Amino acid sequence: MKLLKRELTEKIQQSLQKYPVTAIIGSRQVGKSTLAKSLLQAHPNSLYLDLERPKDRQLLDNAEDFFSIHKEKLICLDEIQLVPGVFSVMRSIVDDETYHNKFLVLGSATPELLRQTSQTLAGRIAYHELTPFLWEEVGHHTNLNTYRLRGGFPKSLLAESDEDAMEWIAFFIRTFLEKDLQQFGLNLTVPLLQRLWMMLAHSNGQVINFSKLGSALGVSHHTIRRYIDILEHTFQLRVIYPYFANTKKRLIKSPKVFIRDTGILHALLGIASFDELFRHPVYGSSWESTVIENVIHKYQRWNHYFFRTVAGAEIDLLLEKANKKIAIEIKASSTPTVTKGFWSALDTVQPDETYIIAPVPQPFPFKNGVWVYPLEAFLKKDV
């Protein structure tokens, strides 16, 4: 099964016309190289370097001369974080009108972790994040339970069986910890990061207590924050910050942390089938991860938060742009119910629209102007 990110592909093609440097960023094994190679087919005067190959990496030992030899070409540099020094050379090249080079760079970290890109290529580079497959992209090719269990990584989602999918994810986790993170030159203790990742899986979607995690792992809360930042900026975690309303109520101030891909979440917890997931305490927060990743991508130009008071009034996801707010409650039950705290939170936040997203077959009105929506129908809504 070959699935393409059509909307993203069109945006990247536009960036290649407008900007001297276009970056595709995203987790390892999410399909950046496959997407880039399909894009290069429309550019016969192009060159692809896989910087994980020593032979290709050696070509950039004298990057300026190499780029000079290949003037007027579109040059794709895959896994750019392996040669961070090339960013400054790229800046001088794109600023020199005699070269006419364009660059397509692929990286497995956010611009915040690849600081040199933002420092040297500001105004010259367009970023596009390639996510694992979203439900809108694969809903016609698989069922929701399979997607929820395996997550969106291509080799997991498209595996022959759940067993094969989980075996691949386990290998991904091990390689990510033992090899991939080392490419960023980070001073990490791999067993500590692995234990933290597993603890975050067990508390998926909960408000994070940095000091408590630090005490449990025998390190400072500063170390915990740093390791969470690393997992966030390598696309493994989603950190959602609280919304601060103009209210006298005491509000939760710490962020929530989610494992972004549910396949990785389940592999960390040893869950190998949907039946096991259904019986596991993480079932509800796993559905939250699925919904949040898909909704945030649809509303990627909106700010996103959660809202919770110390007394327990809560909204799972709050989207805000300009003067509009959309409140979303996420329920894993096909017969969703809400608490008094939900209505109390709505009274405080006063959103313009409110929805409950649950695994139901079709939308229906709930109460007080609140609607229940299945994920697929919500993602098709116009706002």
Protein backbone atom coordinates (compact mmCIF):
# COMPACT_ATOMS: atom_id res chain seq x y z
CA MET A 1 0.00 0.00 0.00
CA LYS A 2 1.51 3.29 -1.07
CA LEU A 3 0.15 6.36 0.69
CA LEU A 4 1.31 9.88 -0.11
CA LYS A 5 0.95 13.09 1.88
CA ARG A 6 -0.69 14.99 -0.98
CA GLU A 7 -1.49 18.22 0.88
CA LEU A 8 1.98 18.40 2.42
CA THR A 9 3.60 17.55 -0.90
CA GLU A 10 1.87 20.52 -2.53
CA LYS A 11 3.02 22.86 0.24
CA ILE A 12 6.61 21.66 -0.06
CA GLN A 13 6.53 22.10 -3.84
CA GLN A 14 5.40 25.70 -3.31
CA SER A 15 8.21 26.27 -0.80
CA LEU A 16 10.78 24.97 -3.26
CA GLN A 17 9.68 27.73 -5.61
CA LYS A 18 9.65 30.49 -3.00
CA TYR A 19 12.56 29.74 -0.65
CA PRO A 20 16.23 28.88 -1.23
CA VAL A 21 16.03 26.25 1.53
CA THR A 22 13.08 23.98 2.34
CA ALA A 23 13.21 21.68 5.35
CA ILE A 24 11.17 18.55 5.99
CA ILE A 25 11.41 17.69 9.67
CA GLY A 26 9.88 14.81 11.59
CA SER A 27 10.60 11.70 13.56
CA ARG A 28 12.94 9.04 12.33
CA GLN A 29 11.28 6.40 10.11
CA VAL A 30 8.27 8.59 9.38
CA GLY A 31 8.91 8.66 5.62
CA LYS A 32 10.91 11.85 5.01
CA SER A 33 13.33 10.19 2.57
CA THR A 34 10.53 8.53 0.62
CA LEU A 35 8.66 11.82 0.31
CA ALA A 36 11.82 13.72 -0.69
CA LYS A 37 12.70 11.21 -3.42
CA SER A 38 9.19 11.48 -4.86
CA LEU A 39 9.57 15.28 -4.92
CA LEU A 40 12.96 15.07 -6.64
CA GLN A 41 11.41 13.15 -9.52
CA ALA A 42 9.90 16.45 -10.68
CA HIS A 43 13.38 18.04 -10.61
CA PRO A 44 15.68 16.19 -13.04
CA ASN A 45 18.48 18.63 -12.24
CA SER A 46 18.70 17.47 -8.62
CA LEU A 47 21.10 15.63 -6.34
CA TYR A 48 20.36 13.46 -3.29
CA LEU A 49 22.86 12.82 -0.49
CA ASP A 50 22.14 10.38 2.33
CA LEU A 51 24.32 11.76 5.10
CA GLU A 52 24.10 8.52 7.09
CA ARG A 53 26.36 7.04 4.44
CA PRO A 54 30.01 7.95 5.14
CA LYS A 55 30.70 8.19 1.41
CA ASP A 56 28.01 10.84 0.93
CA ARG A 57 28.96 12.65 4.12
CA GLN A 58 32.58 12.87 2.96
CA LEU A 59 31.46 14.84 -0.10
CA LEU A 60 30.66 17.73 2.25
CA ASP A 61 34.12 17.87 3.81
CA ASN A 62 34.59 20.88 1.58
CA ALA A 63 30.95 21.84 1.20
CA GLU A 64 31.51 25.16 -0.54
CA ASP A 65 33.48 23.58 -3.37
CA PHE A 66 30.96 20.75 -3.68
CA PHE A 67 28.06 23.19 -3.99
CA SER A 68 30.06 25.23 -6.48
CA ILE A 69 30.51 22.18 -8.72
CA HIS A 70 26.75 21.59 -8.62
CA LYS A 71 25.55 25.14 -9.26
CA GLU A 72 21.90 25.61 -10.22
CA LYS A 73 20.95 22.19 -8.85
CA LEU A 74 18.36 21.29 -6.24
CA ILE A 75 20.45 19.51 -3.59
CA CYS A 76 18.74 17.25 -1.07
CA LEU A 77 20.63 16.61 2.18
CA ASP A 78 19.06 13.77 4.16
CA GLU A 79 19.62 13.73 7.96
CA ILE A 80 21.18 17.18 7.98
CA GLN A 81 21.85 17.04 11.74
CA LEU A 82 24.86 14.82 11.00
CA VAL A 83 26.71 17.75 9.42
CA PRO A 84 25.59 20.82 11.40
CA GLY A 85 28.51 22.88 10.14
CA VAL A 86 27.05 22.91 6.63
CA PHE A 87 24.32 25.40 7.64
CA SER A 88 26.69 28.37 7.62
CA VAL A 89 28.03 27.32 4.21
CA MET A 90 24.48 27.05 2.87
CA ARG A 91 23.77 30.60 4.00
CA SER A 92 26.70 31.99 2.05
CA ILE A 93 25.66 29.96 -0.99
CA VAL A 94 22.01 31.07 -1.04
CA ASP A 95 23.10 34.68 -0.52
CA ASP A 96 25.47 34.50 -3.50
CA GLU A 97 23.51 35.20 -6.68
CA THR A 98 26.08 33.41 -8.84
CA TYR A 99 25.24 29.96 -7.43
CA HIS A 100 21.45 29.58 -7.98
CA ASN A 101 21.40 26.51 -5.75
CA LYS A 102 18.30 25.39 -3.92
CA PHE A 103 18.30 23.01 -0.99
CA LEU A 104 15.87 20.43 0.35
CA VAL A 105 17.06 19.34 3.79
CA LEU A 106 15.65 16.56 5.95
CA GLY A 107 16.10 16.45 9.71
CA SER A 108 14.88 14.40 12.64
CA ALA A 109 14.61 17.29 15.10
CA THR A 110 12.77 20.57 15.48
CA PRO A 111 14.46 23.88 14.62
CA GLU A 112 14.82 24.48 18.38
CA LEU A 113 17.13 21.48 18.68
CA LEU A 114 18.86 22.24 15.38
CA ARG A 115 19.60 25.76 16.59
CA GLN A 116 22.03 26.53 13.79
CA THR A 117 19.23 26.53 11.22
CA SER A 118 17.31 29.28 12.95
CA GLN A 119 20.48 31.25 13.63
CA THR A 120 22.04 31.12 10.17
CA LEU A 121 19.10 30.63 7.78
CA ALA A 122 16.47 32.94 9.25
CA GLY A 123 14.25 34.26 6.48
CA ARG A 124 15.75 31.83 3.97
CA ILE A 125 14.17 28.55 5.06
CA ALA A 126 10.64 27.13 5.20
CA TYR A 127 9.88 24.27 7.63
CA HIS A 128 7.35 21.49 7.06
CA GLU A 129 6.72 18.76 9.61
CA LEU A 130 6.02 15.28 8.29
CA THR A 131 3.94 13.46 10.87
CA PRO A 132 3.13 9.78 11.10
CA PHE A 133 -0.02 8.98 9.13
CA LEU A 134 -3.13 10.82 10.27
CA TRP A 135 -6.57 9.25 10.41
CA GLU A 136 -7.88 11.26 7.44
CA GLU A 137 -5.05 9.84 5.32
CA VAL A 138 -5.54 6.17 6.17
CA GLY A 139 -9.18 5.83 7.22
CA HIS A 140 -10.08 4.26 3.86
CA HIS A 141 -7.22 1.75 4.10
CA THR A 142 -7.51 0.40 7.64
CA ASN A 143 -9.87 0.36 10.60
CA LEU A 144 -9.79 2.70 13.57
CA ASN A 145 -8.86 0.04 16.13
CA THR A 146 -5.80 -1.01 14.10
CA TYR A 147 -4.77 2.63 13.71
CA ARG A 148 -5.23 3.24 17.43
CA LEU A 149 -3.17 0.20 18.39
CA ARG A 150 -0.30 0.51 15.90
CA GLY A 151 -0.05 4.28 15.58
CA GLY A 152 0.85 6.05 12.36
CA PHE A 153 4.41 5.06 11.50
CA PRO A 154 4.24 3.54 7.99
CA LYS A 155 6.12 0.32 8.74
CA SER A 156 4.03 -0.27 11.85
CA LEU A 157 0.62 0.62 10.45
CA LEU A 158 1.16 -1.33 7.22
CA ALA A 159 2.70 -4.41 8.85
CA GLU A 160 1.26 -7.84 8.08
CA SER A 161 0.13 -8.38 11.68
CA ASP A 162 -0.06 -6.69 15.07
CA GLU A 163 2.83 -8.88 16.19
CA ASP A 164 4.99 -7.66 13.29
CA ALA A 165 3.99 -4.06 14.01
CA MET A 166 4.96 -4.25 17.67
CA GLU A 167 8.23 -5.99 16.81
CA TRP A 168 9.11 -3.13 14.45
CA ILE A 169 8.23 -0.49 17.06
CA ALA A 170 10.35 -2.23 19.70
CA PHE A 171 13.29 -2.15 17.26
CA PHE A 172 12.58 1.54 16.53
CA ILE A 173 12.66 2.42 20.24
CA ARG A 174 15.93 0.59 20.80
CA THR A 175 17.59 2.16 17.75
CA PHE A 176 16.30 5.61 18.64
CA LEU A 177 17.76 5.40 22.13
CA GLU A 178 21.04 3.68 21.35
CA LYS A 179 21.93 5.28 18.01
CA ASP A 180 19.72 8.07 16.71
CA LEU A 181 19.93 10.42 19.69
CA GLN A 182 23.71 10.17 19.72
CA GLN A 183 23.79 11.93 16.33
CA PHE A 184 22.81 15.21 18.00
CA GLY A 185 25.88 15.22 20.22
CA LEU A 186 23.74 15.27 23.37
CA ASN A 187 25.19 14.25 26.71
CA LEU A 188 22.62 11.60 27.62
CA THR A 189 22.35 8.63 29.94
CA VAL A 190 20.44 6.15 27.77
CA PRO A 191 19.09 3.88 30.58
CA LEU A 192 17.80 6.96 32.42
CA LEU A 193 16.05 8.28 29.31
CA GLN A 194 14.53 4.85 28.65
CA ARG A 195 13.16 4.62 32.19
CA LEU A 196 11.76 8.14 31.97
CA TRP A 197 10.10 7.37 28.63
CA MET A 198 8.43 4.31 30.15
CA MET A 199 7.28 6.27 33.19
CA LEU A 200 5.77 8.90 30.91
CA ALA A 201 3.94 6.13 29.05
CA HIS A 202 2.41 4.90 32.32
CA SER A 203 1.30 8.46 33.12
CA ASN A 204 0.34 9.36 29.55
CA GLY A 205 -1.80 12.49 29.40
CA GLN A 206 -1.33 13.40 33.04
CA VAL A 207 -0.09 16.68 34.46
CA ILE A 208 3.64 16.32 34.88
CA ASN A 209 5.38 16.65 38.22
CA PHE A 210 9.05 17.21 37.39
CA SER A 211 10.25 16.97 40.97
CA LYS A 212 8.38 13.72 41.63
CA LEU A 213 9.81 12.14 38.48
CA GLY A 214 13.28 13.36 39.41
CA SER A 215 13.01 11.82 42.89
CA ALA A 216 11.83 8.50 41.43
CA LEU A 217 14.77 8.40 39.02
CA GLY A 218 17.37 9.85 41.38
CA VAL A 219 18.07 13.00 39.36
CA SER A 220 17.16 16.68 39.58
CA HIS A 221 13.99 18.15 38.15
CA HIS A 222 16.26 20.15 35.79
CA THR A 223 17.50 16.88 34.27
CA ILE A 224 13.93 15.64 33.85
CA ARG A 225 12.97 18.87 32.08
CA ARG A 226 15.98 18.58 29.78
CA TYR A 227 15.24 14.97 28.85
CA ILE A 228 11.57 15.75 28.23
CA ASP A 229 12.65 18.67 26.02
CA ILE A 230 14.84 16.29 24.00
CA LEU A 231 12.00 13.80 23.52
CA GLU A 232 9.67 16.63 22.57
CA HIS A 233 12.06 18.14 20.03
CA THR A 234 12.68 14.73 18.43
CA PHE A 235 8.90 14.35 17.94
CA GLN A 236 8.30 11.64 20.53
CA LEU A 237 6.35 13.69 23.09
CA ARG A 238 3.58 16.25 22.89
CA VAL A 239 3.77 18.78 25.74
CA ILE A 240 0.54 20.74 26.21
CA TYR A 241 0.53 23.79 28.45
CA PRO A 242 -2.37 25.03 30.59
CA TYR A 243 -4.68 27.86 29.58
CA PHE A 244 -4.78 30.75 32.01
CA ALA A 245 -8.20 32.37 32.08
CA ASN A 246 -8.95 35.67 33.77
CA THR A 247 -10.48 34.06 36.83
CA LYS A 248 -10.09 33.99 40.58
CA LYS A 249 -10.08 30.19 40.54
CA ARG A 250 -6.81 28.42 41.30
CA LEU A 251 -5.44 26.88 38.11
CA ILE A 252 -3.08 24.01 37.40
CA LYS A 253 0.20 25.49 36.11
CA SER A 254 2.20 22.42 35.05
CA PRO A 255 1.95 20.95 31.52
CA LYS A 256 0.52 17.64 30.40
CA VAL A 257 2.73 15.20 28.51
CA PHE A 258 1.52 12.72 25.88
CA ILE A 259 3.38 10.05 23.92
CA ARG A 260 2.66 11.31 20.40
CA ASP A 261 2.44 7.99 18.58
CA THR A 262 0.14 5.43 20.16
CA GLY A 263 2.08 2.52 18.69
CA ILE A 264 5.14 3.66 20.65
CA LEU A 265 2.96 4.24 23.73
CA HIS A 266 1.63 0.69 23.60
CA ALA A 267 5.01 -0.89 22.87
CA LEU A 268 6.52 0.88 25.91
CA LEU A 269 3.72 -0.62 28.02
CA GLY A 270 3.96 -4.12 26.50
CA ILE A 271 0.50 -3.95 24.91
CA ALA A 272 0.41 -6.24 21.87
CA SER A 273 -3.26 -6.33 20.78
CA PHE A 274 -6.38 -4.20 20.85
CA ASP A 275 -7.97 -6.60 23.34
CA GLU A 276 -5.04 -5.98 25.70
CA LEU A 277 -5.36 -2.24 25.12
CA PHE A 278 -9.09 -2.31 25.87
CA ARG A 279 -8.41 -3.90 29.27
CA HIS A 280 -5.47 -1.63 30.11
CA PRO A 281 -5.76 1.54 32.27
CA VAL A 282 -4.10 3.54 29.45
CA TYR A 283 -7.05 2.89 27.10
CA GLY A 284 -8.63 6.30 27.68
CA SER A 285 -5.45 8.36 27.48
CA SER A 286 -4.35 6.40 24.41
CA TRP A 287 -7.51 7.58 22.67
CA GLU A 288 -6.66 11.10 23.85
CA SER A 289 -3.25 10.84 22.16
CA THR A 290 -4.90 9.74 18.90
CA VAL A 291 -7.43 12.58 18.97
CA ILE A 292 -4.99 15.27 20.07
CA GLU A 293 -2.41 14.50 17.37
CA ASN A 294 -5.04 14.55 14.63
CA VAL A 295 -6.86 17.65 15.89
CA ILE A 296 -3.71 19.69 16.53
CA HIS A 297 -2.54 18.94 13.00
CA LYS A 298 -5.85 20.14 11.56
CA TYR A 299 -5.71 23.26 13.74
CA GLN A 300 -1.96 23.74 13.42
CA ARG A 301 -2.29 27.51 13.08
CA TRP A 302 -4.22 27.69 16.35
CA ASN A 303 -2.79 27.79 19.87
CA HIS A 304 -3.65 24.72 21.87
CA TYR A 305 -3.97 24.25 25.64
CA PHE A 306 -5.76 22.29 28.30
CA PHE A 307 -7.69 23.89 31.14
CA ARG A 308 -7.88 22.61 34.70
CA THR A 309 -8.55 24.16 38.07
CA VAL A 310 -7.21 22.82 41.34
CA ALA A 311 -10.82 21.94 42.20
CA GLY A 312 -11.02 19.64 39.15
CA ALA A 313 -12.89 21.65 36.53
CA GLU A 314 -11.30 20.59 33.23
CA ILE A 315 -11.34 20.85 29.44
CA ASP A 316 -9.11 18.30 27.68
CA LEU A 317 -8.17 20.49 24.72
CA LEU A 318 -8.77 24.17 24.12
CA LEU A 319 -8.04 25.69 20.70
CA GLU A 320 -7.67 29.45 20.36
CA LYS A 321 -7.05 31.80 17.46
CA ALA A 322 -7.74 35.53 17.48
CA ASN A 323 -10.94 35.89 19.49
CA LYS A 324 -12.31 32.39 18.87
CA LYS A 325 -12.10 29.44 21.27
CA ILE A 326 -13.09 25.82 20.65
CA ALA A 327 -13.37 23.46 23.63
CA ILE A 328 -12.94 19.72 23.11
CA GLU A 329 -13.60 16.93 25.60
CA ILE A 330 -12.20 13.53 24.63
CA LYS A 331 -14.01 10.36 25.65
CA ALA A 332 -13.05 6.79 24.78
CA SER A 333 -16.59 5.47 25.38
CA SER A 334 -19.21 5.14 22.65
CA THR A 335 -21.71 6.42 25.23
CA PRO A 336 -19.83 9.46 26.55
CA THR A 337 -20.73 11.23 29.78
CA VAL A 338 -19.23 14.32 31.40
CA THR A 339 -18.80 15.56 34.96
CA LYS A 340 -19.90 18.73 36.71
CA GLY A 341 -16.30 19.89 36.40
CA PHE A 342 -16.67 19.98 32.62
CA TRP A 343 -19.68 22.32 32.78
CA SER A 344 -17.91 24.44 35.39
CA ALA A 345 -14.88 24.79 33.09
CA LEU A 346 -17.12 25.86 30.19
CA ASP A 347 -18.70 28.52 32.40
CA THR A 348 -15.22 29.88 33.16
CA VAL A 349 -13.66 29.69 29.69
CA GLN A 350 -16.77 30.59 27.66
CA PRO A 351 -15.76 28.89 24.37
CA ASP A 352 -17.51 29.71 21.12
CA GLU A 353 -18.00 26.04 20.25
CA THR A 354 -17.78 22.87 22.32
CA TYR A 355 -17.44 19.27 21.17
CA ILE A 356 -17.02 15.83 22.66
CA ILE A 357 -14.94 13.57 20.40
CA ALA A 358 -15.69 9.89 20.97
CA PRO A 359 -15.71 6.62 18.97
CA VAL A 360 -19.33 7.05 17.88
CA PRO A 361 -20.76 6.32 14.40
CA GLN A 362 -22.12 9.81 13.66
CA PRO A 363 -22.48 13.31 15.19
CA PHE A 364 -25.37 14.03 17.54
CA PRO A 365 -26.36 16.88 19.91
CA PHE A 366 -25.45 16.24 23.52
CA LYS A 367 -26.67 19.02 25.81
CA ASN A 368 -26.53 22.82 26.17
CA GLY A 369 -25.20 23.35 22.64
CA VAL A 370 -22.47 20.69 23.00
CA TRP A 371 -22.14 18.17 20.17
CA VAL A 372 -20.67 14.68 20.15
CA TYR A 373 -18.59 13.91 17.05
CA PRO A 374 -16.63 10.93 15.75
CA LEU A 375 -13.02 11.83 15.01
CA GLU A 376 -13.32 11.50 11.22
CA ALA A 377 -16.38 13.76 11.01
CA PHE A 378 -14.82 16.38 13.28
CA LEU A 379 -11.68 16.53 11.14
CA LYS A 380 -13.85 17.25 8.08
CA LYS A 381 -15.59 20.20 9.72
CA ASP A 382 -14.99 23.70 8.40
CA VAL A 383 -14.14 26.33 11.01
